[in-house]
Protein backbone atom coordinates (compact mmCIF):
# COMPACT_ATOMS: atom_id res chain seq x y z
CA UNK A 1 -36.20 -14.94 -52.16
CA UNK A 2 -37.10 -13.38 -55.43
CA UNK A 3 -37.65 -9.88 -53.62
CA UNK A 4 -34.72 -10.21 -51.73
CA UNK A 5 -32.17 -10.68 -54.63
CA UNK A 6 -33.53 -7.95 -56.49
CA UNK A 7 -33.45 -5.59 -53.34
CA UNK A 8 -30.08 -6.22 -52.75
CA UNK A 9 -29.31 -5.89 -56.52
CA UNK A 10 -30.94 -2.02 -56.49
CA UNK A 11 -29.25 -1.54 -53.52
CA UNK A 12 -25.45 -2.38 -54.58
CA UNK A 13 -26.20 -0.34 -57.53
CA UNK A 14 -27.01 2.75 -55.39
CA UNK A 15 -24.07 2.16 -53.25
CA UNK A 16 -21.67 2.34 -55.93
CA UNK A 17 -23.17 5.23 -57.27
CA UNK A 18 -23.30 7.00 -54.18
CA UNK A 19 -19.63 6.01 -53.18
CA UNK A 20 -18.83 7.18 -56.79
CA UNK A 21 -20.07 10.99 -55.77
CA UNK A 22 -19.34 10.91 -52.08
CA UNK A 23 -15.27 10.23 -53.53
CA UNK A 24 -15.68 12.64 -56.35
CA UNK A 25 -16.43 15.74 -53.88
CA UNK A 26 -13.76 14.19 -51.31
CA UNK A 27 -11.46 14.13 -54.20
CA UNK A 28 -12.67 17.94 -55.23
CA UNK A 29 -12.20 18.99 -51.61
CA UNK A 30 -8.93 17.70 -51.37
CA UNK A 31 -8.36 19.91 -54.56
CA UNK A 32 -9.13 22.63 -52.95
CA UNK A 33 -12.16 23.49 -55.00
CA UNK A 34 -14.97 25.53 -54.47
CA UNK A 35 -18.30 23.89 -53.35
CA UNK A 36 -19.87 25.83 -56.14
CA UNK A 37 -17.70 24.29 -58.77
CA UNK A 38 -18.98 20.41 -57.23
CA UNK A 39 -21.74 18.87 -59.75
CA UNK A 40 -25.10 18.28 -58.90
CA UNK A 41 -24.79 15.46 -57.83
CA UNK A 42 -22.97 15.55 -55.57
CA UNK A 43 -24.97 17.87 -53.14
CA UNK A 44 -25.61 16.40 -49.59
CA UNK A 45 -29.13 16.74 -50.43
CA UNK A 46 -28.88 14.49 -53.94
CA UNK A 47 -27.10 11.80 -52.00
CA UNK A 48 -29.28 12.24 -48.74
CA UNK A 49 -32.15 10.65 -51.40
CA UNK A 50 -29.63 8.37 -52.51
CA UNK A 51 -28.92 6.76 -49.57
CA UNK A 52 -32.61 7.32 -48.47
CA UNK A 53 -33.20 4.74 -51.56
CA UNK A 54 -30.62 2.59 -50.76
CA UNK A 55 -31.08 1.95 -47.20
CA UNK A 56 -35.35 2.23 -48.10
CA UNK A 57 -34.42 -1.00 -50.96
CA UNK A 58 -31.82 -2.62 -48.41
CA UNK A 59 -34.46 -2.60 -45.31
CA UNK A 60 -37.33 -4.12 -48.30
CA UNK A 61 -34.40 -6.71 -49.00
CA UNK A 62 -34.15 -7.69 -45.65
CA UNK A 63 -37.70 -8.24 -44.14
CA UNK A 64 -40.37 -10.30 -44.33
CA UNK A 65 -43.81 -10.03 -44.64
CA UNK A 66 -44.61 -8.67 -41.62
CA UNK A 67 -42.39 -5.76 -41.55
CA UNK A 68 -41.33 -5.06 -44.81
CA UNK A 69 -42.98 -0.99 -44.06
CA UNK A 70 -40.89 -0.63 -40.79
CA UNK A 71 -37.62 -2.25 -41.88
CA UNK A 72 -38.27 -0.14 -45.32
CA UNK A 73 -38.63 3.27 -43.32
CA UNK A 74 -36.10 2.58 -40.97
CA UNK A 75 -33.61 1.56 -44.07
CA UNK A 76 -34.84 4.74 -45.85
CA UNK A 77 -34.09 7.36 -42.63
CA UNK A 78 -30.55 5.70 -41.94
CA UNK A 79 -29.61 5.83 -45.64
CA UNK A 80 -30.88 9.07 -46.20
CA UNK A 81 -28.34 10.58 -42.82
CA UNK A 82 -24.98 8.61 -44.33
CA UNK A 83 -25.54 10.08 -48.03
CA UNK A 84 -25.88 13.53 -46.54
CA UNK A 85 -22.61 13.16 -44.52
CA UNK A 86 -20.77 11.22 -47.05
CA UNK A 87 -21.49 13.94 -49.35
CA UNK A 88 -20.99 17.34 -47.33
CA UNK A 89 -18.68 19.30 -48.64
CA UNK A 90 -14.99 18.91 -46.86
CA UNK A 91 -13.51 21.75 -48.98
CA UNK A 92 -10.48 23.32 -46.39
CA UNK A 93 -11.36 27.15 -46.27
CA UNK A 94 -7.45 28.58 -46.81
CA UNK A 95 -6.65 30.72 -43.69
CA UNK A 96 -5.55 34.63 -45.20
CA UNK A 97 -1.40 34.67 -45.01
CA UNK A 98 -1.05 38.36 -44.29
CA UNK A 99 -4.32 39.29 -41.58
CA UNK A 100 -3.16 42.18 -40.49
CA UNK A 101 -2.67 43.81 -43.77
CA UNK A 102 -6.36 44.00 -45.07
CA UNK A 103 -7.19 43.46 -48.45
CA UNK A 104 -3.73 43.84 -50.49
CA UNK A 105 -4.87 45.98 -53.67
CA UNK A 106 -4.03 44.07 -57.72
CA UNK A 107 -0.55 44.71 -58.75
CA UNK A 108 0.83 45.09 -54.88
CA UNK A 109 4.62 43.37 -55.03
CA UNK A 110 4.04 40.11 -53.02
CA UNK A 111 6.23 37.46 -51.39
CA UNK A 112 6.60 33.95 -51.35
CA UNK A 113 3.52 33.68 -49.25
CA UNK A 114 1.93 36.23 -50.87
CA UNK A 115 2.21 38.52 -48.93
CA UNK A 116 3.37 42.38 -49.46
CA UNK A 117 6.93 43.57 -49.47
CA UNK A 118 7.70 45.73 -46.51
CA UNK A 119 11.89 46.24 -48.29
CA UNK A 120 12.66 48.38 -45.24
CA UNK A 121 11.11 46.33 -42.49
CA UNK A 122 9.51 49.15 -40.60
CA UNK A 123 5.82 47.23 -40.32
CA UNK A 124 4.60 49.15 -43.42
CA UNK A 125 3.79 47.49 -46.95
CA UNK A 126 5.88 48.89 -49.70
CA UNK A 127 2.43 49.73 -51.69
CA UNK A 128 1.19 51.60 -48.89
CA UNK A 129 4.78 53.44 -47.59
CA UNK A 130 5.16 57.04 -48.41
CA UNK A 131 9.12 56.92 -47.04
CA UNK A 132 11.11 53.51 -48.50
CA UNK A 133 14.48 53.07 -46.87
CA UNK A 134 13.83 54.24 -43.68
CA UNK A 135 16.21 52.96 -41.42
CA UNK A 136 16.13 49.80 -39.22
CA UNK A 137 14.51 50.54 -35.89
CA UNK A 138 12.78 53.89 -36.85
CA UNK A 139 9.81 54.19 -35.49
CA UNK A 140 7.14 55.42 -38.48
CA UNK A 141 3.58 56.68 -38.63
CA UNK A 142 1.04 54.64 -40.27
CA UNK A 143 2.61 55.83 -44.27
CA UNK A 144 5.86 55.09 -42.96
CA UNK A 145 7.90 57.60 -42.38
CA UNK A 146 9.71 58.79 -39.49
CA UNK A 147 7.72 60.46 -36.47
CA UNK A 148 8.99 64.02 -36.21
CA UNK A 149 7.26 64.78 -32.45
CA UNK A 150 7.85 68.81 -32.49
CA UNK A 151 6.82 69.29 -36.40
CA UNK A 152 9.51 71.27 -37.33
CA UNK A 153 10.25 69.20 -40.39
CA UNK A 154 13.72 67.07 -38.98
CA UNK A 155 12.28 63.25 -37.88
CA UNK A 156 13.25 62.33 -34.14
CA UNK A 157 15.62 60.05 -35.66
CA UNK A 158 17.81 62.92 -36.32
CA UNK A 159 16.54 65.83 -34.44
CA UNK A 160 19.46 67.04 -32.25
CA UNK A 161 16.69 69.47 -30.56
CA UNK A 162 13.80 66.91 -30.41
CA UNK A 163 11.68 69.40 -28.16
CA UNK A 164 11.75 72.78 -30.33
CA UNK A 165 8.42 74.66 -29.81
CA UNK A 166 5.78 75.41 -32.40
CA UNK A 167 6.59 77.37 -35.12
CA UNK A 168 10.45 78.03 -34.31
CA UNK A 169 12.82 77.69 -37.69
CA UNK A 170 15.47 75.68 -37.20
CA UNK A 171 18.61 74.71 -38.73
CA UNK A 172 19.25 71.12 -40.71
CA UNK A 173 20.45 69.76 -36.97
CA UNK A 174 17.34 69.99 -35.63
CA UNK A 175 17.78 73.30 -33.69
CA UNK A 176 17.45 77.19 -33.58
CA UNK A 177 20.53 77.98 -32.03
CA UNK A 178 23.92 76.16 -31.86
CA UNK A 179 23.29 72.83 -29.57
CA UNK A 180 25.14 73.31 -26.21
CA UNK A 181 25.96 69.87 -25.23
CA UNK A 182 24.78 69.51 -21.89
CA UNK A 183 26.54 66.48 -20.14
CA UNK A 184 29.42 66.90 -22.53
CA UNK A 185 31.68 67.40 -19.27
CA UNK A 186 36.15 66.54 -18.73
CA UNK A 187 37.95 65.98 -16.38
CA UNK A 188 39.74 68.72 -14.44
CA UNK A 189 41.99 70.68 -16.22
CA UNK A 190 42.30 68.36 -19.16
CA UNK A 191 40.43 66.88 -22.64
CA UNK A 192 39.60 63.48 -21.44
CA UNK A 193 36.11 63.21 -21.74
CA UNK A 194 34.08 61.71 -18.62
CA UNK A 195 32.00 58.14 -18.61
CA UNK A 196 28.48 60.63 -19.14
CA UNK A 197 30.21 62.78 -21.52
CA UNK A 198 30.79 59.81 -23.55
CA UNK A 199 27.46 58.20 -23.16
CA UNK A 200 25.85 61.84 -24.03
CA UNK A 201 27.83 61.68 -27.30
CA UNK A 202 26.76 58.41 -28.31
CA UNK A 203 23.75 60.09 -28.75
CA UNK A 204 24.68 62.71 -30.94
CA UNK A 205 26.46 60.19 -32.72
CA UNK A 206 23.67 58.24 -34.16
CA UNK A 207 21.47 61.11 -35.16
CA UNK A 208 24.91 62.45 -36.91
CA UNK A 209 25.02 58.90 -38.85
CA UNK A 210 21.29 58.76 -39.54
CA UNK A 211 21.80 62.87 -40.93
CA UNK A 212 24.88 62.39 -43.57
CA UNK A 213 24.51 65.25 -45.43
CA UNK A 214 24.80 67.83 -42.48
CA UNK A 215 28.69 69.08 -41.43
CA UNK A 216 29.01 69.96 -38.07
CA UNK A 217 31.66 72.59 -35.89
CA UNK A 218 32.97 71.31 -33.17
CA UNK A 219 33.78 74.48 -30.69
CA UNK A 220 34.84 74.39 -27.26
CA UNK A 221 34.95 77.25 -24.44
CA UNK A 222 36.13 78.20 -21.01
CA UNK A 223 35.38 80.50 -19.02
CA UNK A 224 37.84 83.63 -18.10
CA UNK A 225 39.98 82.16 -15.31
CA UNK A 226 43.39 81.30 -15.52
CA UNK A 227 45.63 82.86 -18.67
CA UNK A 228 43.34 83.37 -21.62
CA UNK A 229 46.09 81.51 -24.41
CA UNK A 230 45.74 79.35 -22.30
CA UNK A 231 42.74 78.59 -21.73
CA UNK A 232 41.76 78.80 -25.83
CA UNK A 233 44.06 75.79 -26.06
CA UNK A 234 42.29 73.88 -23.67
CA UNK A 235 38.90 74.48 -25.70
CA UNK A 236 40.68 73.51 -28.89
CA UNK A 237 41.68 70.60 -27.06
CA UNK A 238 38.31 69.95 -25.94
CA UNK A 239 36.82 70.50 -29.29
CA UNK A 240 39.27 67.99 -30.97
CA UNK A 241 38.50 65.11 -28.33
CA UNK A 242 34.50 65.20 -28.58
CA UNK A 243 35.35 65.52 -32.58
CA UNK A 244 37.12 62.45 -32.31
CA UNK A 245 34.49 60.70 -30.27
CA UNK A 246 32.11 61.37 -32.76
CA UNK A 247 34.40 60.08 -35.14
CA UNK A 248 34.86 56.87 -33.60
CA UNK A 249 30.95 56.35 -32.93
CA UNK A 250 30.46 56.18 -36.85
CA UNK A 251 30.37 60.10 -38.00
CA UNK A 252 33.55 61.02 -41.35
CA UNK A 253 36.39 63.00 -39.99
CA UNK A 254 35.41 65.05 -43.20
CA UNK A 255 31.72 66.47 -42.31
CA UNK A 256 33.62 67.61 -38.87
CA UNK A 257 35.89 70.63 -38.20
CA UNK A 258 36.61 71.96 -34.74
CA UNK A 259 37.54 75.55 -33.36
CA UNK A 260 38.39 76.54 -29.96
CA UNK A 261 37.42 79.89 -28.41
CA UNK A 262 38.86 80.12 -24.93
CA UNK A 263 37.40 82.86 -23.13
CA UNK A 264 36.14 84.95 -26.04
CA UNK A 265 32.56 84.21 -26.61
CA UNK A 266 30.69 84.37 -23.05
CA UNK A 267 26.77 83.55 -22.77
CA UNK A 268 26.68 84.60 -19.09
CA UNK A 269 27.95 86.73 -16.66
CA UNK A 270 31.89 85.28 -15.15
CA UNK A 271 31.22 87.19 -12.35
CA UNK A 272 29.38 84.03 -10.64
CA UNK A 273 29.89 80.13 -10.42
CA UNK A 274 26.55 79.68 -12.20
CA UNK A 275 27.81 81.80 -14.95
CA UNK A 276 31.26 80.82 -15.10
CA UNK A 277 29.99 77.19 -15.76
CA UNK A 278 26.92 78.26 -18.27
CA UNK A 279 30.59 79.33 -20.20
CA UNK A 280 32.70 76.28 -19.79
CA UNK A 281 30.81 74.65 -23.08
CA UNK A 282 31.46 72.45 -26.11
CA UNK A 283 28.98 73.34 -29.02
CA UNK A 284 27.55 71.91 -32.28
CA UNK A 285 26.68 74.19 -35.42
CA UNK A 286 26.03 73.37 -38.69
CA UNK A 287 28.60 74.35 -41.00
CA UNK A 288 26.73 75.94 -44.33
């Protein structure tokens, strides 16, 4: 009876101590403390040793004279396992909030979740963005600058002539010469734009909107068939029709002027159908 009471008292005291260690370790883990900040007494090995003593004591206290050693060994083994589990490190390792950015340098501006700011929304964080303020939807390179596929110095989203040969000097529209608005056609003997022409002009207009410091001349041209004075009036009306559509599409009117040259400036012979078709055109050029 004396042995049993003594063993139980020792076991109870050790159980209380081990429970305190485990509770403290759990609280620290819940508070996101690192395992290196835990007390030495909270180490799983220490708790395992304490559990072994507890288990052995309980096994010894509850056994008879004939099975003291066996029960003590079983109790010590079970106690060691339980003690180690109770004090295991349960620290919650926080997942990185912004894994795609990699290491963020000290001092970089971040949002409420700790992610680097990307003010223009181009996918390149501000601390790495060499071209801040890129318009929404513009494709950029690794440093946040708009793509310039033909390398002419005019980014694609502003370039009216996106396939300029390498080394060719271009104007602010990205073109070497006047831009012939191919596909911009009209109803017969009229200044009414066709549906195809309007589709083409929407692309032109968007690039002009993206290039707000450039002023342009919209010029109309005809072939030599018909009355020269009539052709000049028709070409002027067609140039004005194009400018009006660009204006409705967001290009400020004060950035454009119009001119109708009629048959005065042919780019091909009027003696062939192909040449006359080339002469019936609308051009866009930069105004200095």
